[in-house]
């Protein structure tokens, strides 16, 4: 990484023992982490678990596990931070949902970090939320069903690539690291899945 990269400079400070560097690093990625948690937190936990609380707990986990991060110099800081958040989410889902974790279309995680996979219903709800007005309830329900069907036609890993790139706004390199695949493969999967999904959405009268 370039020495002008603020992340690289802060990681160097952290490795040198500067404890304030972790708080600065966390601040750089707080919004990204909040977006990830909001997207991955099971909607059945609304009212019981706050995404902001999950983010704060992730920071406390990070404070305790700095040596773990420093022992993996090849891992980007945000990928590591997201790993901690994913583990926190899995624990919360197990605690509150137990045997119901895999209901409502929730799949076994395909992410290398074990974070909850994006279910088609969740993806569809976010896409339809971007495309329609809540006042158009009938059209919204019909579109939701069409979008969910289109997403179900994709391979699970392609849905995950879409989730990471489109909703979490991650780079191709970070997406590949999270999924444990080559960057070229992640790029090809993203472009292919995006094309298929855009085609399906256009036929349903919605454009991404």
N, C-alpha and C. Protein backbone atom coordinates (compact mmCIF):
# COMPACT_ATOMS: atom_id res chain seq x y z
N UNK A 1 0.84 -1.19 0.00
CA UNK A 1 0.00 0.00 0.00
C UNK A 1 0.88 1.25 0.00
N UNK A 2 0.34 2.32 -0.56
CA UNK A 2 1.06 3.58 -0.59
C UNK A 2 1.17 4.17 0.81
N UNK A 3 2.31 4.87 1.05
CA UNK A 3 2.47 5.49 2.36
C UNK A 3 1.50 6.65 2.53
N UNK A 4 0.88 7.13 1.41
CA UNK A 4 -0.10 8.20 1.51
C UNK A 4 -1.47 7.66 1.91
N UNK A 5 -1.62 6.36 1.94
CA UNK A 5 -2.86 5.72 2.34
C UNK A 5 -3.03 5.90 3.85
N UNK A 6 -4.11 6.59 4.29
CA UNK A 6 -4.27 6.82 5.73
C UNK A 6 -4.40 5.52 6.52
N UNK A 7 -4.99 4.50 5.90
CA UNK A 7 -5.13 3.23 6.60
C UNK A 7 -3.76 2.62 6.87
N UNK A 8 -2.90 2.64 5.85
CA UNK A 8 -1.56 2.07 6.00
C UNK A 8 -0.78 2.79 7.10
N UNK A 9 -0.89 4.11 7.13
CA UNK A 9 -0.16 4.89 8.13
C UNK A 9 -0.68 4.58 9.54
N UNK A 10 -1.99 4.44 9.66
CA UNK A 10 -2.57 4.14 10.97
C UNK A 10 -2.23 2.72 11.42
N UNK A 11 -2.22 1.78 10.49
CA UNK A 11 -1.85 0.41 10.83
C UNK A 11 -0.40 0.36 11.30
N UNK A 12 0.46 1.14 10.65
CA UNK A 12 1.86 1.20 11.06
C UNK A 12 1.98 1.74 12.49
N UNK A 13 1.18 2.77 12.79
CA UNK A 13 1.18 3.32 14.16
C UNK A 13 0.68 2.29 15.16
N UNK A 14 -0.37 1.55 14.77
CA UNK A 14 -0.92 0.53 15.66
C UNK A 14 0.11 -0.55 15.94
N UNK A 15 0.81 -0.97 14.89
CA UNK A 15 1.84 -2.00 15.05
C UNK A 15 2.99 -1.52 15.93
N UNK A 16 3.19 -0.20 15.94
CA UNK A 16 4.26 0.37 16.76
C UNK A 16 3.82 0.58 18.21
N UNK A 17 2.56 0.23 18.50
CA UNK A 17 2.09 0.32 19.88
C UNK A 17 1.24 1.54 20.20
N UNK A 18 0.89 2.33 19.18
CA UNK A 18 0.06 3.51 19.39
C UNK A 18 -1.40 3.08 19.50
N UNK A 19 -1.93 3.05 20.70
CA UNK A 19 -3.29 2.56 20.94
C UNK A 19 -4.36 3.49 20.37
N UNK A 20 -4.04 4.78 20.21
CA UNK A 20 -5.03 5.71 19.67
C UNK A 20 -5.29 5.44 18.18
N UNK A 21 -4.38 4.75 17.52
CA UNK A 21 -4.53 4.48 16.09
C UNK A 21 -5.74 3.59 15.82
N UNK A 22 -6.06 2.69 16.75
CA UNK A 22 -7.20 1.80 16.53
C UNK A 22 -8.50 2.60 16.48
N UNK A 23 -8.67 3.56 17.39
CA UNK A 23 -9.88 4.38 17.38
C UNK A 23 -9.99 5.17 16.08
N UNK A 24 -8.87 5.67 15.57
CA UNK A 24 -8.88 6.42 14.32
C UNK A 24 -9.21 5.50 13.14
N UNK A 25 -8.65 4.30 13.14
CA UNK A 25 -8.97 3.33 12.09
C UNK A 25 -10.45 2.98 12.12
N UNK A 26 -10.97 2.76 13.32
CA UNK A 26 -12.37 2.39 13.45
C UNK A 26 -13.27 3.51 12.93
N UNK A 27 -12.90 4.74 13.21
CA UNK A 27 -13.69 5.88 12.74
C UNK A 27 -13.74 5.93 11.21
N UNK A 28 -12.64 5.54 10.57
CA UNK A 28 -12.61 5.54 9.11
C UNK A 28 -13.63 4.59 8.52
N UNK A 29 -13.89 3.49 9.23
CA UNK A 29 -14.73 2.43 8.67
C UNK A 29 -16.05 2.23 9.40
N UNK A 30 -16.35 3.12 10.34
CA UNK A 30 -17.59 2.96 11.11
C UNK A 30 -18.82 2.93 10.22
N UNK A 31 -18.90 3.84 9.25
CA UNK A 31 -20.07 3.90 8.37
C UNK A 31 -20.21 2.63 7.55
N UNK A 32 -19.07 2.10 7.07
CA UNK A 32 -19.10 0.85 6.31
C UNK A 32 -19.61 -0.30 7.17
N UNK A 33 -19.12 -0.32 8.41
CA UNK A 33 -19.51 -1.40 9.32
C UNK A 33 -20.99 -1.29 9.68
N UNK A 34 -21.46 -0.08 9.90
CA UNK A 34 -22.88 0.14 10.21
C UNK A 34 -23.75 -0.34 9.07
N UNK A 35 -23.33 -0.06 7.83
CA UNK A 35 -24.08 -0.50 6.65
C UNK A 35 -24.10 -2.02 6.58
N UNK A 36 -22.98 -2.66 6.85
CA UNK A 36 -22.90 -4.11 6.83
C UNK A 36 -23.82 -4.73 7.87
N UNK A 37 -23.78 -4.20 9.09
CA UNK A 37 -24.60 -4.76 10.17
C UNK A 37 -26.08 -4.56 9.89
N UNK A 38 -26.45 -3.37 9.42
CA UNK A 38 -27.85 -3.12 9.09
C UNK A 38 -28.36 -4.09 8.04
N UNK A 39 -27.50 -4.41 7.09
CA UNK A 39 -27.89 -5.30 6.00
C UNK A 39 -27.96 -6.76 6.43
N UNK A 40 -27.07 -7.17 7.32
CA UNK A 40 -26.96 -8.59 7.70
C UNK A 40 -27.78 -8.97 8.93
N UNK A 41 -28.17 -7.99 9.73
CA UNK A 41 -28.91 -8.29 10.95
C UNK A 41 -30.30 -8.80 10.59
N UNK A 42 -30.64 -9.96 11.12
CA UNK A 42 -31.94 -10.57 10.81
C UNK A 42 -33.07 -9.63 11.22
N UNK A 43 -34.02 -9.33 10.31
CA UNK A 43 -35.10 -8.40 10.64
C UNK A 43 -35.98 -8.87 11.79
N UNK A 44 -35.94 -10.16 12.09
CA UNK A 44 -36.72 -10.66 13.22
C UNK A 44 -36.18 -10.18 14.57
N UNK A 45 -34.99 -9.59 14.54
CA UNK A 45 -34.39 -9.07 15.77
C UNK A 45 -34.65 -7.58 15.97
N UNK A 46 -35.39 -6.97 15.05
CA UNK A 46 -35.73 -5.56 15.20
C UNK A 46 -36.45 -5.33 16.53
N UNK A 47 -35.99 -4.33 17.26
CA UNK A 47 -36.59 -4.04 18.56
C UNK A 47 -35.88 -4.74 19.70
N UNK A 48 -35.08 -5.76 19.36
CA UNK A 48 -34.35 -6.48 20.40
C UNK A 48 -32.85 -6.21 20.33
N UNK A 49 -32.37 -6.00 19.12
CA UNK A 49 -30.94 -5.79 18.91
C UNK A 49 -30.75 -4.54 18.06
N UNK A 50 -29.91 -3.64 18.51
CA UNK A 50 -29.61 -2.42 17.78
C UNK A 50 -28.34 -2.59 16.96
N UNK A 51 -28.39 -2.17 15.69
CA UNK A 51 -27.20 -2.25 14.85
C UNK A 51 -26.07 -1.41 15.44
N UNK A 52 -26.41 -0.28 16.03
CA UNK A 52 -25.38 0.57 16.64
C UNK A 52 -24.69 -0.13 17.80
N UNK A 53 -25.46 -0.91 18.55
CA UNK A 53 -24.86 -1.67 19.65
C UNK A 53 -23.91 -2.74 19.13
N UNK A 54 -24.29 -3.37 18.02
CA UNK A 54 -23.42 -4.39 17.42
C UNK A 54 -22.11 -3.76 16.98
N UNK A 55 -22.20 -2.58 16.38
CA UNK A 55 -20.99 -1.88 15.94
C UNK A 55 -20.10 -1.53 17.14
N UNK A 56 -20.71 -1.07 18.23
CA UNK A 56 -19.92 -0.72 19.42
C UNK A 56 -19.27 -1.96 20.03
N UNK A 57 -20.01 -3.06 20.07
CA UNK A 57 -19.44 -4.32 20.59
C UNK A 57 -18.30 -4.79 19.71
N UNK A 58 -18.41 -4.56 18.41
CA UNK A 58 -17.33 -4.93 17.49
C UNK A 58 -16.06 -4.15 17.81
N UNK A 59 -16.23 -2.87 18.14
CA UNK A 59 -15.06 -2.07 18.51
C UNK A 59 -14.40 -2.63 19.76
N UNK A 60 -15.19 -3.01 20.74
CA UNK A 60 -14.64 -3.58 21.98
C UNK A 60 -13.92 -4.89 21.69
N UNK A 61 -14.48 -5.69 20.76
CA UNK A 61 -13.81 -6.92 20.36
C UNK A 61 -12.47 -6.61 19.69
N UNK A 62 -12.47 -5.56 18.87
CA UNK A 62 -11.24 -5.18 18.17
C UNK A 62 -10.15 -4.77 19.15
N UNK A 63 -10.53 -4.02 20.18
CA UNK A 63 -9.56 -3.59 21.19
C UNK A 63 -8.86 -4.80 21.82
N UNK A 64 -9.64 -5.85 22.08
CA UNK A 64 -9.10 -7.05 22.71
C UNK A 64 -8.26 -7.89 21.76
N UNK A 65 -8.51 -7.74 20.45
CA UNK A 65 -7.90 -8.67 19.51
C UNK A 65 -6.91 -8.02 18.55
N UNK A 66 -6.36 -6.89 18.93
CA UNK A 66 -5.36 -6.24 18.09
C UNK A 66 -4.21 -7.18 17.74
N UNK A 67 -3.68 -7.97 18.70
CA UNK A 67 -2.59 -8.90 18.34
C UNK A 67 -3.00 -9.88 17.23
N UNK A 68 -4.26 -10.28 17.23
CA UNK A 68 -4.75 -11.19 16.18
C UNK A 68 -4.64 -10.52 14.82
N UNK A 69 -5.02 -9.24 14.73
CA UNK A 69 -4.92 -8.52 13.46
C UNK A 69 -3.46 -8.37 13.04
N UNK A 70 -2.62 -7.99 13.98
CA UNK A 70 -1.21 -7.76 13.64
C UNK A 70 -0.49 -9.03 13.24
N UNK A 71 -1.05 -10.19 13.63
CA UNK A 71 -0.42 -11.46 13.25
C UNK A 71 -0.80 -11.87 11.83
N UNK A 72 -1.70 -11.09 11.19
CA UNK A 72 -2.15 -11.42 9.82
C UNK A 72 -1.91 -10.20 8.92
N UNK A 73 -0.65 -9.90 8.62
CA UNK A 73 -0.33 -8.69 7.86
C UNK A 73 -0.94 -8.66 6.46
N UNK A 74 -1.33 -9.82 5.94
CA UNK A 74 -1.90 -9.86 4.59
C UNK A 74 -3.38 -9.47 4.57
N UNK A 75 -4.02 -9.40 5.73
CA UNK A 75 -5.45 -9.13 5.79
C UNK A 75 -5.72 -7.63 5.88
N UNK A 76 -6.51 -7.07 4.95
CA UNK A 76 -6.87 -5.65 5.05
C UNK A 76 -7.60 -5.37 6.36
N UNK A 77 -7.40 -4.18 6.90
CA UNK A 77 -7.99 -3.87 8.20
C UNK A 77 -9.50 -4.01 8.19
N UNK A 78 -10.17 -3.48 7.15
CA UNK A 78 -11.63 -3.54 7.16
C UNK A 78 -12.13 -4.97 7.04
N UNK A 79 -11.44 -5.80 6.28
CA UNK A 79 -11.85 -7.20 6.17
C UNK A 79 -11.77 -7.86 7.55
N UNK A 80 -10.73 -7.53 8.31
CA UNK A 80 -10.61 -8.07 9.67
C UNK A 80 -11.71 -7.54 10.57
N UNK A 81 -11.97 -6.24 10.48
CA UNK A 81 -13.02 -5.63 11.29
C UNK A 81 -14.38 -6.24 10.96
N UNK A 82 -14.63 -6.47 9.71
CA UNK A 82 -15.88 -7.08 9.27
C UNK A 82 -15.99 -8.51 9.77
N UNK A 83 -14.86 -9.19 9.85
CA UNK A 83 -14.83 -10.54 10.41
C UNK A 83 -15.33 -10.53 11.85
N UNK A 84 -14.87 -9.58 12.64
CA UNK A 84 -15.32 -9.48 14.03
C UNK A 84 -16.81 -9.18 14.10
N UNK A 85 -17.29 -8.29 13.25
CA UNK A 85 -18.71 -7.96 13.23
C UNK A 85 -19.54 -9.17 12.81
N UNK A 86 -19.04 -9.91 11.83
CA UNK A 86 -19.75 -11.11 11.39
C UNK A 86 -19.87 -12.15 12.49
N UNK A 87 -18.79 -12.33 13.24
CA UNK A 87 -18.82 -13.28 14.35
C UNK A 87 -19.81 -12.82 15.43
N UNK A 88 -19.84 -11.51 15.66
CA UNK A 88 -20.78 -10.96 16.63
C UNK A 88 -22.23 -11.19 16.18
N UNK A 89 -22.50 -11.01 14.88
CA UNK A 89 -23.84 -11.23 14.34
C UNK A 89 -24.26 -12.70 14.45
N UNK A 90 -23.35 -13.59 14.12
CA UNK A 90 -23.66 -15.02 14.22
C UNK A 90 -24.03 -15.39 15.65
N UNK A 91 -23.26 -14.88 16.61
CA UNK A 91 -23.55 -15.16 18.02
C UNK A 91 -24.92 -14.63 18.42
N UNK A 92 -25.26 -13.43 17.96
CA UNK A 92 -26.56 -12.85 18.28
C UNK A 92 -27.70 -13.64 17.66
N UNK A 93 -27.51 -14.05 16.42
CA UNK A 93 -28.55 -14.84 15.74
C UNK A 93 -28.78 -16.17 16.46
N UNK A 94 -27.70 -16.79 16.88
CA UNK A 94 -27.83 -18.06 17.61
C UNK A 94 -28.52 -17.85 18.95
N UNK A 95 -28.14 -16.76 19.62
CA UNK A 95 -28.70 -16.48 20.93
C UNK A 95 -30.20 -16.21 20.87
N UNK A 96 -30.62 -15.43 19.90
CA UNK A 96 -32.01 -15.00 19.85
C UNK A 96 -32.91 -15.88 18.98
N UNK A 97 -32.33 -16.54 17.98
CA UNK A 97 -33.16 -17.29 17.05
C UNK A 97 -33.00 -18.80 17.19
N UNK A 98 -31.83 -19.23 17.60
CA UNK A 98 -31.61 -20.66 17.82
C UNK A 98 -31.93 -21.49 16.59
N UNK A 99 -32.85 -22.44 16.75
CA UNK A 99 -33.20 -23.36 15.68
C UNK A 99 -33.90 -22.67 14.52
N UNK A 100 -34.36 -21.43 14.73
CA UNK A 100 -35.06 -20.72 13.66
C UNK A 100 -34.11 -19.99 12.73
N UNK A 101 -32.80 -20.11 12.97
CA UNK A 101 -31.83 -19.35 12.18
C UNK A 101 -31.95 -19.59 10.69
N UNK A 102 -32.31 -20.83 10.30
CA UNK A 102 -32.30 -21.13 8.87
C UNK A 102 -33.69 -21.03 8.25
N UNK A 103 -34.66 -20.54 9.02
CA UNK A 103 -35.99 -20.37 8.45
C UNK A 103 -36.03 -19.10 7.62
N UNK A 104 -37.12 -18.89 6.93
CA UNK A 104 -37.33 -17.73 6.08
C UNK A 104 -36.20 -17.59 5.06
N UNK A 105 -35.75 -18.71 4.53
CA UNK A 105 -34.80 -18.68 3.43
C UNK A 105 -33.38 -18.37 3.81
N UNK A 106 -33.05 -18.32 5.07
CA UNK A 106 -31.66 -18.01 5.45
C UNK A 106 -30.78 -19.21 5.14
N UNK A 107 -29.65 -18.92 4.50
CA UNK A 107 -28.76 -19.98 4.05
C UNK A 107 -27.54 -20.10 4.95
N UNK A 108 -26.86 -21.25 4.85
CA UNK A 108 -25.58 -21.42 5.55
C UNK A 108 -24.58 -20.45 4.92
N UNK A 109 -23.76 -19.84 5.75
CA UNK A 109 -22.83 -18.85 5.24
C UNK A 109 -21.84 -19.46 4.26
N UNK A 110 -21.60 -18.71 3.17
CA UNK A 110 -20.55 -19.12 2.23
C UNK A 110 -19.35 -18.19 2.35
N UNK A 111 -19.42 -17.25 3.27
CA UNK A 111 -18.31 -16.32 3.46
C UNK A 111 -17.20 -16.98 4.26
N UNK A 112 -15.98 -16.69 3.87
CA UNK A 112 -14.84 -17.28 4.58
C UNK A 112 -14.80 -16.82 6.03
N UNK A 113 -15.37 -15.63 6.30
CA UNK A 113 -15.35 -15.13 7.68
C UNK A 113 -16.52 -15.62 8.51
N UNK A 114 -17.42 -16.42 7.90
CA UNK A 114 -18.53 -16.99 8.64
C UNK A 114 -19.68 -16.05 8.91
N UNK A 115 -19.64 -14.83 8.36
CA UNK A 115 -20.72 -13.88 8.59
C UNK A 115 -22.00 -14.36 7.90
N UNK A 116 -23.16 -13.92 8.40
CA UNK A 116 -24.43 -14.40 7.83
C UNK A 116 -24.52 -14.08 6.34
N UNK A 117 -24.95 -15.06 5.55
CA UNK A 117 -25.15 -14.84 4.13
C UNK A 117 -26.39 -14.00 3.90
N UNK A 118 -26.43 -13.34 2.76
CA UNK A 118 -27.60 -12.52 2.42
C UNK A 118 -28.68 -13.42 1.84
N UNK A 119 -29.85 -13.41 2.45
CA UNK A 119 -30.97 -14.18 1.93
C UNK A 119 -31.61 -13.43 0.78
N UNK A 120 -32.22 -14.17 -0.15
CA UNK A 120 -32.86 -13.55 -1.30
C UNK A 120 -33.94 -12.57 -0.87
N UNK A 121 -34.70 -12.92 0.17
CA UNK A 121 -35.78 -12.04 0.63
C UNK A 121 -35.22 -10.71 1.11
N UNK A 122 -34.08 -10.76 1.80
CA UNK A 122 -33.46 -9.53 2.30
C UNK A 122 -32.94 -8.68 1.15
N UNK A 123 -32.28 -9.32 0.20
CA UNK A 123 -31.78 -8.61 -0.97
C UNK A 123 -32.92 -7.97 -1.74
N UNK A 124 -33.99 -8.74 -1.95
CA UNK A 124 -35.14 -8.23 -2.70
C UNK A 124 -35.75 -7.02 -2.01
N UNK A 125 -35.88 -7.09 -0.69
CA UNK A 125 -36.47 -5.98 0.06
C UNK A 125 -35.65 -4.71 -0.10
N UNK A 126 -34.32 -4.83 -0.10
CA UNK A 126 -33.48 -3.66 -0.27
C UNK A 126 -33.58 -3.11 -1.69
N UNK A 127 -33.60 -3.99 -2.66
CA UNK A 127 -33.70 -3.55 -4.05
C UNK A 127 -35.03 -2.86 -4.31
N UNK A 128 -36.10 -3.48 -3.84
CA UNK A 128 -37.42 -2.89 -4.06
C UNK A 128 -37.55 -1.57 -3.30
N UNK A 129 -36.91 -1.49 -2.16
CA UNK A 129 -36.91 -0.24 -1.41
C UNK A 129 -36.26 0.89 -2.18
N UNK A 130 -35.28 0.54 -3.04
CA UNK A 130 -34.60 1.55 -3.84
C UNK A 130 -35.43 1.94 -5.06
N UNK A 131 -36.38 1.06 -5.45
CA UNK A 131 -37.05 1.25 -6.73
C UNK A 131 -38.48 1.78 -6.62
N UNK A 132 -39.09 1.66 -5.48
CA UNK A 132 -40.50 1.99 -5.40
C UNK A 132 -40.82 2.90 -4.22
N UNK A 133 -41.98 3.50 -4.30
CA UNK A 133 -42.50 4.31 -3.20
C UNK A 133 -43.34 3.42 -2.29
N UNK A 134 -43.19 3.55 -0.97
CA UNK A 134 -43.98 2.71 -0.05
C UNK A 134 -45.48 2.88 -0.24
N UNK A 135 -45.91 4.02 -0.83
CA UNK A 135 -47.34 4.24 -1.02
C UNK A 135 -47.95 3.35 -2.08
N UNK A 136 -47.12 2.79 -2.94
CA UNK A 136 -47.62 1.92 -4.00
C UNK A 136 -47.54 0.47 -3.53
N UNK A 137 -48.36 0.14 -2.55
CA UNK A 137 -48.25 -1.13 -1.84
C UNK A 137 -48.45 -2.34 -2.75
N UNK A 138 -49.46 -2.30 -3.62
CA UNK A 138 -49.76 -3.45 -4.48
C UNK A 138 -48.63 -3.69 -5.46
N UNK A 139 -48.21 -2.61 -6.15
CA UNK A 139 -47.11 -2.76 -7.11
C UNK A 139 -45.83 -3.21 -6.40
N UNK A 140 -45.63 -2.70 -5.20
CA UNK A 140 -44.44 -3.05 -4.42
C UNK A 140 -44.42 -4.54 -4.10
N UNK A 141 -45.55 -5.08 -3.67
CA UNK A 141 -45.62 -6.50 -3.33
C UNK A 141 -45.38 -7.37 -4.55
N UNK A 142 -45.95 -6.97 -5.69
CA UNK A 142 -45.76 -7.74 -6.92
C UNK A 142 -44.30 -7.69 -7.36
N UNK A 143 -43.71 -6.51 -7.29
CA UNK A 143 -42.31 -6.35 -7.69
C UNK A 143 -41.39 -7.13 -6.77
N UNK A 144 -41.70 -7.10 -5.47
CA UNK A 144 -40.89 -7.83 -4.50
C UNK A 144 -40.84 -9.31 -4.85
N UNK A 145 -41.98 -9.88 -5.21
CA UNK A 145 -42.03 -11.30 -5.56
C UNK A 145 -41.20 -11.58 -6.81
N UNK A 146 -41.27 -10.68 -7.80
CA UNK A 146 -40.52 -10.87 -9.05
C UNK A 146 -39.01 -10.76 -8.81
N UNK A 147 -38.63 -9.78 -8.01
CA UNK A 147 -37.20 -9.58 -7.73
C UNK A 147 -36.65 -10.75 -6.93
N UNK A 148 -37.41 -11.22 -5.94
CA UNK A 148 -36.95 -12.36 -5.15
C UNK A 148 -36.80 -13.59 -6.03
N UNK A 149 -37.71 -13.78 -6.96
CA UNK A 149 -37.61 -14.92 -7.88
C UNK A 149 -36.37 -14.79 -8.76
N UNK A 150 -36.08 -13.57 -9.21
CA UNK A 150 -34.89 -13.35 -10.03
C UNK A 150 -33.62 -13.65 -9.24
N UNK A 151 -33.61 -13.23 -7.98
CA UNK A 151 -32.45 -13.48 -7.14
C UNK A 151 -32.26 -14.96 -6.85
N UNK A 152 -33.36 -15.68 -6.69
CA UNK A 152 -33.29 -17.12 -6.43
C UNK A 152 -32.69 -17.88 -7.61
N UNK A 153 -32.77 -17.27 -8.81
CA UNK A 153 -32.21 -17.94 -9.98
C UNK A 153 -30.69 -17.85 -10.03
N UNK A 154 -30.12 -16.99 -9.20
CA UNK A 154 -28.67 -16.84 -9.14
C UNK A 154 -28.07 -17.87 -8.21
N UNK A 155 -26.80 -18.19 -8.43
CA UNK A 155 -26.09 -19.06 -7.50
C UNK A 155 -25.87 -18.30 -6.19
N UNK A 156 -25.87 -19.00 -5.06
CA UNK A 156 -25.67 -18.32 -3.77
C UNK A 156 -24.45 -17.42 -3.74
N UNK A 157 -23.35 -17.86 -4.33
CA UNK A 157 -22.13 -17.04 -4.29
C UNK A 157 -22.31 -15.77 -5.11
N UNK A 158 -23.11 -15.84 -6.19
CA UNK A 158 -23.36 -14.64 -6.99
C UNK A 158 -24.23 -13.65 -6.23
N UNK A 159 -25.20 -14.15 -5.47
CA UNK A 159 -26.00 -13.26 -4.63
C UNK A 159 -25.12 -12.58 -3.58
N UNK A 160 -24.17 -13.34 -3.07
CA UNK A 160 -23.28 -12.79 -2.05
C UNK A 160 -22.36 -11.73 -2.66
N UNK A 161 -21.87 -11.97 -3.85
CA UNK A 161 -21.03 -10.98 -4.53
C UNK A 161 -21.81 -9.69 -4.74
N UNK A 162 -23.06 -9.82 -5.17
CA UNK A 162 -23.90 -8.64 -5.35
C UNK A 162 -24.09 -7.89 -4.03
N UNK A 163 -24.30 -8.65 -2.96
CA UNK A 163 -24.51 -8.04 -1.65
C UNK A 163 -23.28 -7.25 -1.22
N UNK A 164 -22.12 -7.86 -1.38
CA UNK A 164 -20.87 -7.24 -0.93
C UNK A 164 -20.52 -6.01 -1.77
N UNK A 165 -20.69 -6.13 -3.09
CA UNK A 165 -20.31 -5.03 -3.97
C UNK A 165 -21.37 -3.93 -4.01
N UNK A 166 -22.65 -4.33 -4.14
CA UNK A 166 -23.69 -3.33 -4.37
C UNK A 166 -24.20 -2.70 -3.07
N UNK A 167 -24.43 -3.50 -2.04
CA UNK A 167 -25.03 -2.98 -0.81
C UNK A 167 -23.99 -2.57 0.22
N UNK A 168 -22.94 -3.39 0.37
CA UNK A 168 -21.90 -3.01 1.33
C UNK A 168 -20.86 -2.10 0.70
N UNK A 169 -20.91 -1.97 -0.64
CA UNK A 169 -20.03 -1.06 -1.38
C UNK A 169 -18.56 -1.37 -1.16
N UNK A 170 -18.23 -2.67 -1.16
CA UNK A 170 -16.84 -3.09 -0.97
C UNK A 170 -16.11 -3.13 -2.31
N UNK A 171 -14.81 -3.05 -2.24
CA UNK A 171 -13.99 -3.18 -3.44
C UNK A 171 -13.99 -4.63 -3.91
N UNK A 172 -13.57 -4.82 -5.15
CA UNK A 172 -13.48 -6.18 -5.68
C UNK A 172 -12.47 -7.00 -4.89
N UNK A 173 -11.37 -6.36 -4.48
CA UNK A 173 -10.32 -7.08 -3.74
C UNK A 173 -10.84 -7.54 -2.37
N UNK A 174 -11.57 -6.66 -1.68
CA UNK A 174 -12.11 -7.03 -0.37
C UNK A 174 -13.18 -8.11 -0.51
N UNK A 175 -13.99 -8.01 -1.56
CA UNK A 175 -15.01 -9.03 -1.81
C UNK A 175 -14.37 -10.39 -2.01
N UNK A 176 -13.31 -10.43 -2.79
CA UNK A 176 -12.60 -11.69 -3.05
C UNK A 176 -12.00 -12.24 -1.76
N UNK A 177 -11.45 -11.36 -0.92
CA UNK A 177 -10.84 -11.80 0.33
C UNK A 177 -11.89 -12.40 1.26
N UNK A 178 -13.07 -11.78 1.33
CA UNK A 178 -14.13 -12.27 2.20
C UNK A 178 -14.66 -13.61 1.74
N UNK A 179 -14.78 -13.79 0.42
CA UNK A 179 -15.32 -15.03 -0.13
C UNK A 179 -14.26 -16.11 -0.31
N UNK A 180 -12.99 -15.72 -0.20
CA UNK A 180 -11.92 -16.70 -0.38
C UNK A 180 -11.74 -17.13 -1.81
N UNK A 181 -11.96 -16.20 -2.76
CA UNK A 181 -11.78 -16.51 -4.18
C UNK A 181 -10.81 -15.52 -4.80
N UNK A 182 -10.37 -15.79 -6.03
CA UNK A 182 -9.46 -14.89 -6.72
C UNK A 182 -10.18 -13.60 -7.10
N UNK A 183 -9.43 -12.50 -7.16
CA UNK A 183 -10.04 -11.22 -7.50
C UNK A 183 -10.66 -11.24 -8.90
N UNK A 184 -10.02 -11.92 -9.83
CA UNK A 184 -10.56 -12.01 -11.19
C UNK A 184 -11.89 -12.75 -11.19
N UNK A 185 -11.98 -13.80 -10.39
CA UNK A 185 -13.22 -14.58 -10.31
C UNK A 185 -14.33 -13.74 -9.68
N UNK A 186 -13.98 -12.96 -8.67
CA UNK A 186 -14.98 -12.10 -8.02
C UNK A 186 -15.51 -11.06 -9.00
N UNK A 187 -14.62 -10.50 -9.82
CA UNK A 187 -15.02 -9.50 -10.79
C UNK A 187 -15.94 -10.09 -11.85
N UNK A 188 -15.60 -11.28 -12.35
CA UNK A 188 -16.42 -11.93 -13.37
C UNK A 188 -17.79 -12.29 -12.81
N UNK A 189 -17.82 -12.79 -11.59
CA UNK A 189 -19.10 -13.17 -10.98
C UNK A 189 -19.98 -11.93 -10.77
N UNK A 190 -19.38 -10.85 -10.35
CA UNK A 190 -20.15 -9.64 -10.11
C UNK A 190 -20.78 -9.13 -11.41
N UNK A 191 -19.98 -9.04 -12.46
CA UNK A 191 -20.49 -8.53 -13.73
C UNK A 191 -21.58 -9.44 -14.29
N UNK A 192 -21.38 -10.75 -14.17
CA UNK A 192 -22.37 -11.70 -14.68
C UNK A 192 -23.66 -11.61 -13.89
N UNK A 193 -23.55 -11.60 -12.56
CA UNK A 193 -24.75 -11.55 -11.72
C UNK A 193 -25.48 -10.23 -11.90
N UNK A 194 -24.73 -9.13 -12.02
CA UNK A 194 -25.34 -7.82 -12.20
C UNK A 194 -26.11 -7.76 -13.51
N UNK A 195 -25.54 -8.33 -14.56
CA UNK A 195 -26.21 -8.34 -15.86
C UNK A 195 -27.51 -9.13 -15.79
N UNK A 196 -27.45 -10.31 -15.19
CA UNK A 196 -28.64 -11.15 -15.10
C UNK A 196 -29.72 -10.48 -14.25
N UNK A 197 -29.29 -9.86 -13.16
CA UNK A 197 -30.27 -9.23 -12.28
C UNK A 197 -30.87 -7.99 -12.94
N UNK A 198 -30.04 -7.19 -13.62
CA UNK A 198 -30.56 -6.00 -14.29
C UNK A 198 -31.57 -6.38 -15.36
N UNK A 199 -31.31 -7.47 -16.07
CA UNK A 199 -32.24 -7.94 -17.09
C UNK A 199 -33.58 -8.31 -16.46
N UNK A 200 -33.52 -9.03 -15.35
CA UNK A 200 -34.74 -9.45 -14.66
C UNK A 200 -35.51 -8.26 -14.11
N UNK A 201 -34.77 -7.29 -13.54
CA UNK A 201 -35.42 -6.12 -12.97
C UNK A 201 -36.04 -5.23 -14.04
N UNK A 202 -35.34 -5.11 -15.19
CA UNK A 202 -35.88 -4.29 -16.28
C UNK A 202 -37.19 -4.86 -16.79
N UNK A 203 -37.27 -6.19 -16.88
CA UNK A 203 -38.51 -6.82 -17.33
C UNK A 203 -39.63 -6.61 -16.35
N UNK A 204 -39.26 -6.34 -15.08
CA UNK A 204 -40.28 -6.10 -14.05
C UNK A 204 -40.57 -4.61 -13.87
N UNK A 205 -39.93 -3.77 -14.71
CA UNK A 205 -40.19 -2.35 -14.66
C UNK A 205 -39.39 -1.60 -13.63
N UNK A 206 -38.22 -2.15 -13.25
CA UNK A 206 -37.37 -1.48 -12.26
C UNK A 206 -35.94 -1.55 -12.74
N UNK A 207 -35.22 -0.45 -12.59
CA UNK A 207 -33.82 -0.41 -12.97
C UNK A 207 -32.95 -0.12 -11.76
N UNK A 208 -31.81 -0.81 -11.67
CA UNK A 208 -30.87 -0.58 -10.58
C UNK A 208 -30.04 0.67 -10.89
